[in-house]
Every structure is written in structure tokens, then in C-alpha cells.
Amino acid sequence: MPGMRMTRSKSAGRKPRADAQRNRERILEVAKLAFTRSGANTSLDDIASQAGVGPGTLYRHFPTREELLQAVYRSEMEKLAAAERKFAQTMPPIEALRAWLLLFVDAIETKQLIAPALNTLLGDPKKVFAASYAQMQQAIHALVKRAIKSGDIRKDVEPMDLLRALVGVAYLPSHPDWQQSARRLVDILIAGSRSRHATKKGTPQSESRLPAPP
């Protein structure tokens, strides 16, 4: 029947798109590890093999090495932006802010590892970083606004100051274990941002049972 043929055609059309999306995500996952481990010149054929796809599939998604590298970075930043929305829905405001800042530390590490490869291939990757900056700015403003509204932190807390403090630790010279310092700094920043109303209540439950760093 015509109706049945139409239904089958639509169903058949969905599967390749779902498979293609899974392939793309798997390629990005493997590529991130490969680029951070081996740099910009890592073999794309090896990435395809480790992702369980053929070279043709990789090149259909990412025709050039530059496009793959940019996609890896953008994917990591999109995950961070999505985490803000998830945390806002599932955690109290102060816990959501802390959990997201810890993920931001991981994102800084990703940028540090991928940036040299982007610099090698693109020369000036500022445009790539600029787009993600807007996402991060929107996310931290939303989290801080929610924590201020709940009374957990002071009204004068500047969202971008929190990020600048963490980035500053990351780029200190001769500081190979900066990640641990940055994670400790997250708790210092949260404690220093607390409102009088929150501190008068004693040790907040949100600080005594904060989630472990990812």
C-alpha cells in the first residue's frame, strides 16, 4: 500500500542519519584523544580505524584535518554549555555552579592540549575560540544569576571573574599540576562568593555534600 511504502521509506531514512551521528560522535571522541596524545600530525587513518569506521566515512564528515580539529574543540565546548542546562535542572544553584566550574577546569585542559595543534594548522585559531567564548559567557552568567537569586552568593559577584581566576591558574609558568590547584580554587571562589544569608546558616549542606570532581 502507498501509505505503508511511505512509512517504510521514512523509517529507512532515519537509520542512516542516526548511524551517521553516532559515527561522527565516535570519530570526535577518538580524535580528541589522538590529537592530545600525538599532536596535529596524528594519522587520520588511525583515528578512523580506532573509531571503527572507514577512512571514507571520516572524510565525509571532516574533509580536512583542520575541520576535524575545530570540530573536536567545538564539541567539547558544546558539552560544557549543555552541562550548564543539565545542572540547572538537577542541582541546587550553588552545587550547579561548583560542578560546572570543575568541568570548566577540564575544558581549559582540553584547550591547552588542542591549541598547539590548532595553531600549527590554522596559524591563528582566534575565530574558533571566539565562538566558544560566547557559549561559556552565557553559561556562567546563567549559573551565577541563579545562585544570586537563591541567596547562595552575593549580588556583586562578577561571573567572568570566576572564569578568569581559573584560567589564570592554568597559565602560571612551571606549574604542571595546575589542575589540582584550579579545583581547590573552585572551592575557595565559592566560599568567597557566599552571601551573608548563606554563611549565617553555618556550613551549608551544599558545601558539606558537594559532588566529587569529575
N, C-alpha and C. Protein backbone atom coordinates (compact mmCIF):
# COMPACT_ATOMS: atom_id res chain seq x y z
N MET A 1 0.84 -1.19 0.00
CA MET A 1 0.00 0.00 0.00
C MET A 1 0.87 1.24 0.00
N PRO A 2 0.40 2.35 -0.64
CA PRO A 2 1.22 3.55 -0.70
C PRO A 2 1.60 4.07 0.68
N GLY A 3 0.61 4.01 1.61
CA GLY A 3 0.89 4.51 2.96
C GLY A 3 1.99 3.73 3.64
N MET A 4 1.97 2.39 3.42
CA MET A 4 2.99 1.55 4.05
C MET A 4 4.36 1.82 3.45
N ARG A 5 4.38 2.02 2.12
CA ARG A 5 5.66 2.31 1.49
C ARG A 5 6.26 3.61 2.01
N MET A 6 5.35 4.59 2.26
CA MET A 6 5.82 5.87 2.78
C MET A 6 6.40 5.71 4.17
N THR A 7 5.72 4.90 5.02
CA THR A 7 6.20 4.67 6.37
C THR A 7 7.55 4.00 6.36
N ARG A 8 7.70 2.98 5.49
CA ARG A 8 8.98 2.27 5.42
C ARG A 8 10.08 3.21 4.95
N SER A 9 9.73 4.06 3.98
CA SER A 9 10.72 4.98 3.44
C SER A 9 11.22 5.93 4.52
N LYS A 10 10.28 6.45 5.36
CA LYS A 10 10.67 7.35 6.42
C LYS A 10 11.54 6.65 7.45
N SER A 11 11.16 5.39 7.80
CA SER A 11 11.94 4.63 8.78
C SER A 11 13.34 4.35 8.26
N ALA A 12 13.39 4.00 6.96
CA ALA A 12 14.69 3.69 6.37
C ALA A 12 15.57 4.94 6.33
N GLY A 13 14.89 6.12 6.22
CA GLY A 13 15.64 7.36 6.14
C GLY A 13 16.22 7.78 7.46
N ARG A 14 15.57 7.35 8.56
CA ARG A 14 16.05 7.78 9.87
C ARG A 14 17.34 7.07 10.28
N LYS A 15 17.43 5.78 9.97
CA LYS A 15 18.54 4.98 10.48
C LYS A 15 19.90 5.48 10.02
N PRO A 16 20.08 5.77 8.71
CA PRO A 16 21.39 6.27 8.31
C PRO A 16 21.77 7.56 9.03
N ARG A 17 20.79 8.44 9.27
CA ARG A 17 21.10 9.68 9.96
C ARG A 17 21.56 9.39 11.39
N ALA A 18 20.87 8.46 12.06
CA ALA A 18 21.28 8.09 13.43
C ALA A 18 22.65 7.45 13.42
N ASP A 19 22.89 6.57 12.47
CA ASP A 19 24.20 5.91 12.37
C ASP A 19 25.29 6.93 12.07
N ALA A 20 24.97 7.86 11.18
CA ALA A 20 25.95 8.88 10.82
C ALA A 20 26.30 9.75 12.02
N GLN A 21 25.29 10.07 12.84
CA GLN A 21 25.54 10.89 14.03
C GLN A 21 26.40 10.13 15.03
N ARG A 22 26.10 8.85 15.20
CA ARG A 22 26.93 8.04 16.11
C ARG A 22 28.37 7.94 15.61
N ASN A 23 28.52 7.76 14.30
CA ASN A 23 29.88 7.70 13.73
C ASN A 23 30.62 9.01 13.97
N ARG A 24 29.92 10.10 13.75
CA ARG A 24 30.55 11.42 13.94
C ARG A 24 31.01 11.60 15.39
N GLU A 25 30.13 11.25 16.32
CA GLU A 25 30.46 11.40 17.74
C GLU A 25 31.64 10.51 18.13
N ARG A 26 31.65 9.29 17.58
CA ARG A 26 32.74 8.37 17.89
C ARG A 26 34.07 8.88 17.32
N ILE A 27 34.03 9.41 16.10
CA ILE A 27 35.23 9.96 15.48
C ILE A 27 35.78 11.11 16.33
N LEU A 28 34.89 11.99 16.78
CA LEU A 28 35.32 13.13 17.59
C LEU A 28 35.93 12.67 18.91
N GLU A 29 35.34 11.66 19.49
CA GLU A 29 35.83 11.13 20.77
C GLU A 29 37.25 10.58 20.61
N VAL A 30 37.45 9.77 19.57
CA VAL A 30 38.76 9.18 19.33
C VAL A 30 39.77 10.25 18.91
N ALA A 31 39.32 11.19 18.08
CA ALA A 31 40.22 12.24 17.58
C ALA A 31 40.72 13.12 18.72
N LYS A 32 39.86 13.41 19.68
CA LYS A 32 40.29 14.23 20.82
C LYS A 32 41.47 13.56 21.54
N LEU A 33 41.34 12.27 21.81
CA LEU A 33 42.41 11.55 22.49
C LEU A 33 43.68 11.49 21.63
N ALA A 34 43.49 11.27 20.34
CA ALA A 34 44.65 11.15 19.44
C ALA A 34 45.39 12.47 19.29
N PHE A 35 44.67 13.55 19.11
CA PHE A 35 45.31 14.86 18.94
C PHE A 35 46.02 15.31 20.22
N THR A 36 45.38 15.06 21.37
CA THR A 36 46.02 15.48 22.62
C THR A 36 47.23 14.61 22.94
N ARG A 37 47.21 13.36 22.49
CA ARG A 37 48.32 12.45 22.79
C ARG A 37 49.47 12.64 21.80
N SER A 38 49.14 12.81 20.51
CA SER A 38 50.18 12.78 19.47
C SER A 38 50.34 14.08 18.69
N GLY A 39 49.48 15.07 18.93
CA GLY A 39 49.62 16.34 18.23
C GLY A 39 48.89 16.39 16.91
N ALA A 40 49.13 17.49 16.18
CA ALA A 40 48.36 17.79 14.96
C ALA A 40 48.60 16.80 13.84
N ASN A 41 49.74 16.12 13.83
CA ASN A 41 50.10 15.26 12.70
C ASN A 41 49.70 13.81 12.89
N THR A 42 48.90 13.53 13.89
CA THR A 42 48.46 12.14 14.10
C THR A 42 47.73 11.62 12.86
N SER A 43 47.84 10.35 12.59
CA SER A 43 47.27 9.75 11.38
C SER A 43 45.75 9.74 11.43
N LEU A 44 45.13 10.32 10.40
CA LEU A 44 43.67 10.31 10.34
C LEU A 44 43.15 8.90 10.05
N ASP A 45 43.92 8.13 9.30
CA ASP A 45 43.53 6.74 9.05
C ASP A 45 43.50 5.95 10.35
N ASP A 46 44.46 6.23 11.23
CA ASP A 46 44.47 5.55 12.54
C ASP A 46 43.25 5.96 13.37
N ILE A 47 42.88 7.24 13.29
CA ILE A 47 41.70 7.71 14.02
C ILE A 47 40.46 6.99 13.51
N ALA A 48 40.35 6.87 12.19
CA ALA A 48 39.20 6.18 11.61
C ALA A 48 39.15 4.72 12.07
N SER A 49 40.33 4.07 12.05
CA SER A 49 40.39 2.67 12.46
C SER A 49 39.98 2.50 13.92
N GLN A 50 40.50 3.35 14.80
CA GLN A 50 40.17 3.26 16.22
C GLN A 50 38.70 3.60 16.50
N ALA A 51 38.12 4.41 15.62
CA ALA A 51 36.70 4.77 15.78
C ALA A 51 35.79 3.71 15.20
N GLY A 52 36.37 2.73 14.51
CA GLY A 52 35.57 1.66 13.94
C GLY A 52 34.86 2.04 12.66
N VAL A 53 35.42 3.01 11.92
CA VAL A 53 34.84 3.43 10.64
C VAL A 53 35.92 3.41 9.58
N GLY A 54 35.50 3.46 8.33
CA GLY A 54 36.47 3.52 7.24
C GLY A 54 36.96 4.95 7.03
N PRO A 55 38.12 5.11 6.37
CA PRO A 55 38.63 6.45 6.09
C PRO A 55 37.63 7.31 5.33
N GLY A 56 36.89 6.67 4.41
CA GLY A 56 35.90 7.42 3.63
C GLY A 56 34.83 8.05 4.51
N THR A 57 34.42 7.32 5.55
CA THR A 57 33.42 7.85 6.48
C THR A 57 33.97 9.06 7.22
N LEU A 58 35.21 8.95 7.67
CA LEU A 58 35.83 10.09 8.37
C LEU A 58 35.88 11.31 7.46
N TYR A 59 36.33 11.11 6.21
CA TYR A 59 36.48 12.26 5.31
C TYR A 59 35.15 12.83 4.85
N ARG A 60 34.10 12.03 4.86
CA ARG A 60 32.78 12.58 4.54
C ARG A 60 32.34 13.56 5.62
N HIS A 61 32.63 13.22 6.86
CA HIS A 61 32.27 14.12 7.97
C HIS A 61 33.24 15.29 8.08
N PHE A 62 34.53 14.99 7.89
CA PHE A 62 35.56 16.01 8.10
C PHE A 62 36.56 15.95 6.94
N PRO A 63 36.29 16.71 5.88
CA PRO A 63 37.12 16.63 4.67
C PRO A 63 38.58 16.98 4.89
N THR A 64 38.89 17.79 5.90
CA THR A 64 40.28 18.17 6.15
C THR A 64 40.63 17.98 7.62
N ARG A 65 41.91 17.91 7.88
CA ARG A 65 42.41 17.79 9.25
C ARG A 65 41.98 19.00 10.08
N GLU A 66 42.03 20.19 9.45
CA GLU A 66 41.64 21.42 10.15
C GLU A 66 40.20 21.35 10.64
N GLU A 67 39.32 20.85 9.76
CA GLU A 67 37.91 20.77 10.12
C GLU A 67 37.68 19.79 11.27
N LEU A 68 38.44 18.71 11.27
CA LEU A 68 38.30 17.74 12.35
C LEU A 68 38.76 18.33 13.68
N LEU A 69 39.88 19.01 13.66
CA LEU A 69 40.39 19.62 14.89
C LEU A 69 39.41 20.66 15.45
N GLN A 70 38.91 21.50 14.56
CA GLN A 70 37.96 22.51 15.00
C GLN A 70 36.70 21.87 15.58
N ALA A 71 36.25 20.80 14.94
CA ALA A 71 35.05 20.11 15.41
C ALA A 71 35.27 19.48 16.78
N VAL A 72 36.47 18.95 17.02
CA VAL A 72 36.78 18.37 18.34
C VAL A 72 36.65 19.44 19.41
N TYR A 73 37.26 20.58 19.17
CA TYR A 73 37.22 21.66 20.17
C TYR A 73 35.79 22.15 20.38
N ARG A 74 35.07 22.39 19.30
CA ARG A 74 33.70 22.89 19.42
C ARG A 74 32.80 21.88 20.14
N SER A 75 33.02 20.60 19.87
CA SER A 75 32.23 19.57 20.53
C SER A 75 32.42 19.60 22.04
N GLU A 76 33.67 19.77 22.48
CA GLU A 76 33.94 19.84 23.92
C GLU A 76 33.27 21.05 24.55
N MET A 77 33.28 22.18 23.85
CA MET A 77 32.66 23.38 24.38
C MET A 77 31.13 23.26 24.40
N GLU A 78 30.58 22.59 23.41
CA GLU A 78 29.13 22.36 23.38
C GLU A 78 28.69 21.47 24.55
N LYS A 79 29.52 20.50 24.88
CA LYS A 79 29.22 19.63 26.02
C LYS A 79 29.21 20.45 27.32
N LEU A 80 30.13 21.38 27.42
CA LEU A 80 30.20 22.23 28.61
C LEU A 80 28.97 23.13 28.70
N ALA A 81 28.55 23.68 27.56
CA ALA A 81 27.35 24.51 27.54
C ALA A 81 26.12 23.69 27.90
N ALA A 82 26.04 22.47 27.40
CA ALA A 82 24.90 21.60 27.70
C ALA A 82 24.89 21.21 29.18
N ALA A 83 26.07 21.09 29.79
CA ALA A 83 26.15 20.73 31.21
C ALA A 83 25.51 21.81 32.07
N GLU A 84 25.65 23.07 31.67
CA GLU A 84 25.01 24.16 32.43
C GLU A 84 23.51 23.94 32.50
N ARG A 85 22.90 23.60 31.39
CA ARG A 85 21.44 23.39 31.36
C ARG A 85 21.06 22.17 32.20
N LYS A 86 21.85 21.12 32.11
CA LYS A 86 21.56 19.91 32.88
C LYS A 86 21.69 20.16 34.37
N PHE A 87 22.78 20.80 34.79
CA PHE A 87 22.99 21.07 36.21
C PHE A 87 21.92 22.00 36.77
N ALA A 88 21.51 22.98 35.98
CA ALA A 88 20.49 23.92 36.43
C ALA A 88 19.17 23.21 36.73
N GLN A 89 18.91 22.12 36.01
CA GLN A 89 17.67 21.38 36.18
C GLN A 89 17.74 20.33 37.29
N THR A 90 18.96 19.89 37.63
CA THR A 90 19.08 18.74 38.52
C THR A 90 19.78 19.03 39.84
N MET A 91 20.34 20.23 40.03
CA MET A 91 21.09 20.53 41.24
C MET A 91 20.65 21.85 41.85
N PRO A 92 20.83 22.00 43.16
CA PRO A 92 20.65 23.32 43.78
C PRO A 92 21.63 24.31 43.14
N PRO A 93 21.29 25.60 43.11
CA PRO A 93 22.11 26.58 42.39
C PRO A 93 23.59 26.59 42.74
N ILE A 94 23.92 26.52 44.04
CA ILE A 94 25.34 26.61 44.43
C ILE A 94 26.10 25.36 44.01
N GLU A 95 25.45 24.20 44.06
CA GLU A 95 26.10 22.96 43.63
C GLU A 95 26.27 22.94 42.12
N ALA A 96 25.26 23.47 41.41
CA ALA A 96 25.35 23.54 39.95
C ALA A 96 26.51 24.42 39.52
N LEU A 97 26.68 25.54 40.21
CA LEU A 97 27.78 26.44 39.89
C LEU A 97 29.13 25.77 40.12
N ARG A 98 29.28 25.11 41.26
CA ARG A 98 30.55 24.45 41.56
C ARG A 98 30.85 23.32 40.58
N ALA A 99 29.85 22.50 40.30
CA ALA A 99 30.05 21.37 39.39
C ALA A 99 30.45 21.86 38.00
N TRP A 100 29.84 22.94 37.55
CA TRP A 100 30.16 23.47 36.23
C TRP A 100 31.56 24.07 36.20
N LEU A 101 31.96 24.76 37.25
CA LEU A 101 33.31 25.32 37.31
C LEU A 101 34.37 24.22 37.27
N LEU A 102 34.08 23.08 37.89
CA LEU A 102 35.02 21.95 37.83
C LEU A 102 35.13 21.42 36.40
N LEU A 103 34.01 21.38 35.69
CA LEU A 103 34.06 20.97 34.29
C LEU A 103 34.82 21.99 33.45
N PHE A 104 34.68 23.25 33.82
CA PHE A 104 35.40 24.30 33.10
C PHE A 104 36.92 24.10 33.22
N VAL A 105 37.36 23.64 34.38
CA VAL A 105 38.79 23.34 34.56
C VAL A 105 39.23 22.28 33.54
N ASP A 106 38.39 21.25 33.37
CA ASP A 106 38.71 20.22 32.38
C ASP A 106 38.73 20.80 30.97
N ALA A 107 37.83 21.76 30.70
CA ALA A 107 37.78 22.38 29.37
C ALA A 107 39.03 23.19 29.10
N ILE A 108 39.56 23.85 30.13
CA ILE A 108 40.81 24.60 29.96
C ILE A 108 41.92 23.63 29.57
N GLU A 109 41.94 22.48 30.22
CA GLU A 109 42.97 21.48 29.92
C GLU A 109 42.85 21.02 28.47
N THR A 110 41.61 20.79 28.01
CA THR A 110 41.40 20.39 26.62
C THR A 110 41.92 21.45 25.66
N LYS A 111 41.62 22.71 25.96
CA LYS A 111 42.09 23.79 25.09
C LYS A 111 43.61 23.86 25.06
N GLN A 112 44.23 23.69 26.23
CA GLN A 112 45.69 23.73 26.28
C GLN A 112 46.32 22.63 25.44
N LEU A 113 45.68 21.46 25.42
CA LEU A 113 46.22 20.33 24.68
C LEU A 113 45.98 20.46 23.18
N ILE A 114 44.81 21.02 22.80
CA ILE A 114 44.45 21.09 21.39
C ILE A 114 44.97 22.38 20.74
N ALA A 115 45.11 23.44 21.51
CA ALA A 115 45.52 24.73 20.95
C ALA A 115 46.81 24.65 20.14
N PRO A 116 47.87 23.96 20.62
CA PRO A 116 49.09 23.90 19.80
C PRO A 116 48.84 23.28 18.42
N ALA A 117 47.99 22.25 18.38
CA ALA A 117 47.68 21.63 17.08
C ALA A 117 46.90 22.60 16.20
N LEU A 118 45.96 23.33 16.78
CA LEU A 118 45.20 24.33 16.01
C LEU A 118 46.13 25.43 15.51
N ASN A 119 47.04 25.85 16.35
CA ASN A 119 48.00 26.89 15.94
C ASN A 119 48.85 26.41 14.77
N THR A 120 49.25 25.15 14.82
CA THR A 120 50.08 24.59 13.74
C THR A 120 49.34 24.57 12.42
N LEU A 121 48.06 24.20 12.46
CA LEU A 121 47.29 24.03 11.23
C LEU A 121 46.63 25.31 10.74
N LEU A 122 46.16 26.14 11.68
CA LEU A 122 45.39 27.32 11.29
C LEU A 122 46.19 28.61 11.37
N GLY A 123 47.29 28.59 12.11
CA GLY A 123 48.05 29.81 12.27
C GLY A 123 47.46 30.72 13.33
N ASP A 124 46.18 31.08 13.18
CA ASP A 124 45.51 31.95 14.14
C ASP A 124 44.09 31.43 14.37
N PRO A 125 43.90 30.61 15.42
CA PRO A 125 42.59 29.98 15.65
C PRO A 125 41.63 30.84 16.48
N LYS A 126 41.85 32.16 16.51
CA LYS A 126 41.04 33.01 17.39
C LYS A 126 39.55 32.90 17.09
N LYS A 127 39.21 32.76 15.81
CA LYS A 127 37.78 32.67 15.46
C LYS A 127 37.15 31.42 16.06
N VAL A 128 37.91 30.35 16.09
CA VAL A 128 37.40 29.10 16.68
C VAL A 128 37.13 29.30 18.16
N PHE A 129 38.07 29.94 18.86
CA PHE A 129 37.93 30.15 20.29
C PHE A 129 36.85 31.18 20.61
N ALA A 130 36.67 32.18 19.73
CA ALA A 130 35.71 33.25 19.99
C ALA A 130 34.28 32.72 20.10
N ALA A 131 33.93 31.78 19.24
CA ALA A 131 32.58 31.23 19.26
C ALA A 131 32.31 30.50 20.57
N SER A 132 33.29 29.76 21.07
CA SER A 132 33.10 29.03 22.32
C SER A 132 33.08 29.98 23.51
N TYR A 133 33.80 31.09 23.40
CA TYR A 133 33.81 32.08 24.47
C TYR A 133 32.41 32.59 24.75
N ALA A 134 31.65 32.83 23.69
CA ALA A 134 30.28 33.32 23.85
C ALA A 134 29.42 32.29 24.59
N GLN A 135 29.62 31.02 24.29
CA GLN A 135 28.88 29.95 24.97
C GLN A 135 29.22 29.90 26.45
N MET A 136 30.51 30.01 26.76
CA MET A 136 30.93 29.96 28.16
C MET A 136 30.40 31.16 28.93
N GLN A 137 30.42 32.31 28.29
CA GLN A 137 29.94 33.54 28.93
C GLN A 137 28.45 33.42 29.28
N GLN A 138 27.69 32.89 28.35
CA GLN A 138 26.25 32.72 28.59
C GLN A 138 26.00 31.73 29.72
N ALA A 139 26.77 30.63 29.73
CA ALA A 139 26.57 29.60 30.74
C ALA A 139 26.90 30.10 32.14
N ILE A 140 28.05 30.75 32.32
CA ILE A 140 28.44 31.19 33.66
C ILE A 140 27.52 32.30 34.15
N HIS A 141 27.06 33.17 33.26
CA HIS A 141 26.12 34.21 33.68
C HIS A 141 24.81 33.60 34.18
N ALA A 142 24.33 32.56 33.49
CA ALA A 142 23.09 31.92 33.91
C ALA A 142 23.24 31.25 35.27
N LEU A 143 24.36 30.59 35.49
CA LEU A 143 24.59 29.88 36.76
C LEU A 143 24.72 30.86 37.93
N VAL A 144 25.48 31.93 37.72
CA VAL A 144 25.67 32.91 38.78
C VAL A 144 24.35 33.63 39.08
N LYS A 145 23.61 33.98 38.05
CA LYS A 145 22.33 34.65 38.23
C LYS A 145 21.39 33.80 39.08
N ARG A 146 21.39 32.50 38.81
CA ARG A 146 20.52 31.59 39.55
C ARG A 146 20.96 31.49 41.01
N ALA A 147 22.28 31.44 41.25
CA ALA A 147 22.79 31.34 42.62
C ALA A 147 22.55 32.63 43.40
N ILE A 148 22.61 33.77 42.71
CA ILE A 148 22.29 35.05 43.37
C ILE A 148 20.82 35.09 43.74
N LYS A 149 19.98 34.67 42.83
CA LYS A 149 18.53 34.68 43.06
C LYS A 149 18.15 33.80 44.24
N SER A 150 18.86 32.68 44.41
CA SER A 150 18.56 31.76 45.51
C SER A 150 19.10 32.26 46.84
N GLY A 151 19.94 33.31 46.80
CA GLY A 151 20.53 33.84 48.02
C GLY A 151 21.80 33.13 48.44
N ASP A 152 22.31 32.23 47.60
CA ASP A 152 23.52 31.48 47.94
C ASP A 152 24.79 32.32 47.83
N ILE A 153 24.84 33.22 46.84
CA ILE A 153 26.03 34.04 46.67
C ILE A 153 25.64 35.52 46.61
N ARG A 154 26.63 36.38 46.79
CA ARG A 154 26.39 37.82 46.85
C ARG A 154 25.99 38.38 45.48
N LYS A 155 25.29 39.50 45.52
CA LYS A 155 24.82 40.13 44.29
C LYS A 155 25.95 40.78 43.50
N ASP A 156 27.08 41.05 44.15
CA ASP A 156 28.16 41.74 43.46
C ASP A 156 29.17 40.78 42.81
N VAL A 157 28.87 39.49 42.83
CA VAL A 157 29.78 38.52 42.20
C VAL A 157 29.75 38.71 40.69
N GLU A 158 30.92 38.89 40.11
CA GLU A 158 31.04 39.07 38.65
C GLU A 158 31.34 37.70 38.02
N PRO A 159 30.42 37.18 37.20
CA PRO A 159 30.59 35.82 36.66
C PRO A 159 31.93 35.58 35.97
N MET A 160 32.35 36.52 35.14
CA MET A 160 33.58 36.29 34.38
C MET A 160 34.83 36.31 35.25
N ASP A 161 34.75 36.95 36.42
CA ASP A 161 35.89 36.92 37.34
C ASP A 161 36.19 35.50 37.80
N LEU A 162 35.16 34.70 37.96
CA LEU A 162 35.36 33.32 38.38
C LEU A 162 36.15 32.55 37.32
N LEU A 163 35.79 32.76 36.07
CA LEU A 163 36.49 32.06 34.99
C LEU A 163 37.91 32.59 34.82
N ARG A 164 38.07 33.90 34.94
CA ARG A 164 39.42 34.48 34.78
C ARG A 164 40.37 33.95 35.85
N ALA A 165 39.86 33.77 37.05
CA ALA A 165 40.70 33.26 38.14
C ALA A 165 41.20 31.85 37.81
N LEU A 166 40.32 31.01 37.29
CA LEU A 166 40.70 29.63 36.96
C LEU A 166 41.66 29.59 35.78
N VAL A 167 41.40 30.42 34.78
CA VAL A 167 42.30 30.47 33.62
C VAL A 167 43.68 30.96 34.05
N GLY A 168 43.70 31.93 34.97
CA GLY A 168 44.97 32.45 35.45
C GLY A 168 45.83 31.37 36.09
N VAL A 169 45.22 30.50 36.88
CA VAL A 169 45.97 29.40 37.49
C VAL A 169 46.51 28.46 36.42
N ALA A 170 45.73 28.22 35.39
CA ALA A 170 46.12 27.29 34.34
C ALA A 170 47.36 27.76 33.58
N TYR A 171 47.54 29.06 33.49
CA TYR A 171 48.64 29.58 32.68
C TYR A 171 49.82 30.10 33.51
N LEU A 172 49.84 29.73 34.78
CA LEU A 172 51.02 30.05 35.58
C LEU A 172 52.22 29.25 35.06
N PRO A 173 53.36 29.89 34.91
CA PRO A 173 54.54 29.14 34.42
C PRO A 173 55.03 28.12 35.44
N SER A 174 55.59 27.04 34.92
CA SER A 174 56.20 25.99 35.76
C SER A 174 55.22 25.46 36.81
N HIS A 175 54.04 25.15 36.34
CA HIS A 175 53.01 24.67 37.28
C HIS A 175 52.29 23.48 36.65
N PRO A 176 52.98 22.32 36.56
CA PRO A 176 52.42 21.17 35.85
C PRO A 176 51.17 20.59 36.49
N ASP A 177 51.00 20.76 37.80
CA ASP A 177 49.83 20.20 38.47
C ASP A 177 48.76 21.27 38.70
N TRP A 178 48.64 22.19 37.74
CA TRP A 178 47.71 23.30 37.91
C TRP A 178 46.26 22.84 38.05
N GLN A 179 45.93 21.66 37.48
CA GLN A 179 44.53 21.20 37.55
C GLN A 179 44.07 21.03 39.00
N GLN A 180 44.94 20.44 39.84
CA GLN A 180 44.57 20.25 41.24
C GLN A 180 44.43 21.59 41.95
N SER A 181 45.32 22.51 41.63
CA SER A 181 45.23 23.84 42.23
C SER A 181 43.95 24.54 41.79
N ALA A 182 43.61 24.38 40.51
CA ALA A 182 42.40 25.02 39.99
C ALA A 182 41.14 24.44 40.64
N ARG A 183 41.15 23.14 40.88
CA ARG A 183 39.97 22.53 41.53
C ARG A 183 39.84 22.99 42.98
N ARG A 184 40.97 23.16 43.65
CA ARG A 184 40.92 23.71 45.01
C ARG A 184 40.44 25.15 44.98
N LEU A 185 40.87 25.88 43.95
CA LEU A 185 40.47 27.27 43.82
C LEU A 185 38.96 27.41 43.60
N VAL A 186 38.35 26.43 42.95
CA VAL A 186 36.89 26.46 42.77
C VAL A 186 36.20 26.59 44.12
N ASP A 187 36.63 25.78 45.10
CA ASP A 187 36.00 25.83 46.42
C ASP A 187 36.29 27.15 47.14
N ILE A 188 37.50 27.68 46.91
CA ILE A 188 37.83 28.97 47.51
C ILE A 188 36.95 30.07 46.92
N LEU A 189 36.76 30.03 45.61
CA LEU A 189 35.91 31.02 44.94
C LEU A 189 34.46 30.92 45.41
N ILE A 190 33.98 29.70 45.54
CA ILE A 190 32.60 29.51 46.00
C ILE A 190 32.46 30.04 47.42
N ALA A 191 33.41 29.70 48.31
CA ALA A 191 33.34 30.16 49.70
C ALA A 191 33.40 31.69 49.77
N GLY A 192 34.26 32.29 48.95
CA GLY A 192 34.40 33.74 48.97
C GLY A 192 33.22 34.48 48.37
N SER A 193 32.41 33.76 47.60
CA SER A 193 31.25 34.39 46.96
C SER A 193 29.97 34.26 47.78
N ARG A 194 30.04 33.51 48.88
CA ARG A 194 28.83 33.25 49.66
C ARG A 194 28.23 34.53 50.21
N SER A 195 26.92 34.59 50.24
CA SER A 195 26.22 35.74 50.80
C SER A 195 26.18 35.64 52.32
N ARG A 196 25.93 36.76 53.01
CA ARG A 196 25.82 36.74 54.47
C ARG A 196 24.69 35.82 54.91
N HIS A 197 23.62 35.85 54.16
CA HIS A 197 22.47 35.00 54.49
C HIS A 197 22.88 33.53 54.49
N ALA A 198 23.68 33.14 53.49
CA ALA A 198 24.10 31.74 53.39
C ALA A 198 25.08 31.37 54.49
N THR A 199 26.05 32.27 54.80
CA THR A 199 27.06 31.95 55.80
C THR A 199 26.49 31.95 57.21
N LYS A 200 25.45 32.73 57.47
CA LYS A 200 24.85 32.75 58.81
C LYS A 200 24.21 31.42 59.17
N LYS A 201 23.86 30.67 58.13
CA LYS A 201 23.21 29.38 58.38
C LYS A 201 24.22 28.31 58.77
N GLY A 202 25.50 28.70 58.89
CA GLY A 202 26.54 27.72 59.23
C GLY A 202 27.05 27.06 57.97
N THR A 203 27.65 25.89 58.10
CA THR A 203 28.17 25.19 56.94
C THR A 203 27.02 24.69 56.10
N PRO A 204 26.85 25.26 54.89
CA PRO A 204 25.70 24.89 54.08
C PRO A 204 25.75 23.43 53.67
N GLN A 205 24.58 22.87 53.52
CA GLN A 205 24.51 21.47 53.10
C GLN A 205 25.15 21.31 51.73
N SER A 206 25.01 22.34 50.89
CA SER A 206 25.55 22.26 49.55
C SER A 206 27.06 22.18 49.55
N GLU A 207 27.72 22.70 50.61
CA GLU A 207 29.18 22.63 50.66
C GLU A 207 29.65 21.37 51.38
N SER A 208 28.84 20.84 52.28
CA SER A 208 29.24 19.64 53.01
C SER A 208 29.04 18.37 52.19
N ARG A 209 28.19 18.48 51.13
CA ARG A 209 27.95 17.30 50.30
C ARG A 209 28.11 17.63 48.84
N LEU A 210 29.12 18.40 48.52
CA LEU A 210 29.35 18.76 47.13
C LEU A 210 29.82 17.54 46.35
N PRO A 211 29.45 17.47 45.07
CA PRO A 211 29.85 16.31 44.27
C PRO A 211 31.34 16.29 44.06
N ALA A 212 31.89 15.09 43.94
CA ALA A 212 33.33 14.94 43.72
C ALA A 212 33.69 15.46 42.35
N PRO A 213 34.91 15.98 42.17
CA PRO A 213 35.34 16.45 40.85
C PRO A 213 35.25 15.33 39.84
N PRO A 214 34.91 15.69 38.58
CA PRO A 214 34.80 14.65 37.55
C PRO A 214 36.16 14.07 37.20
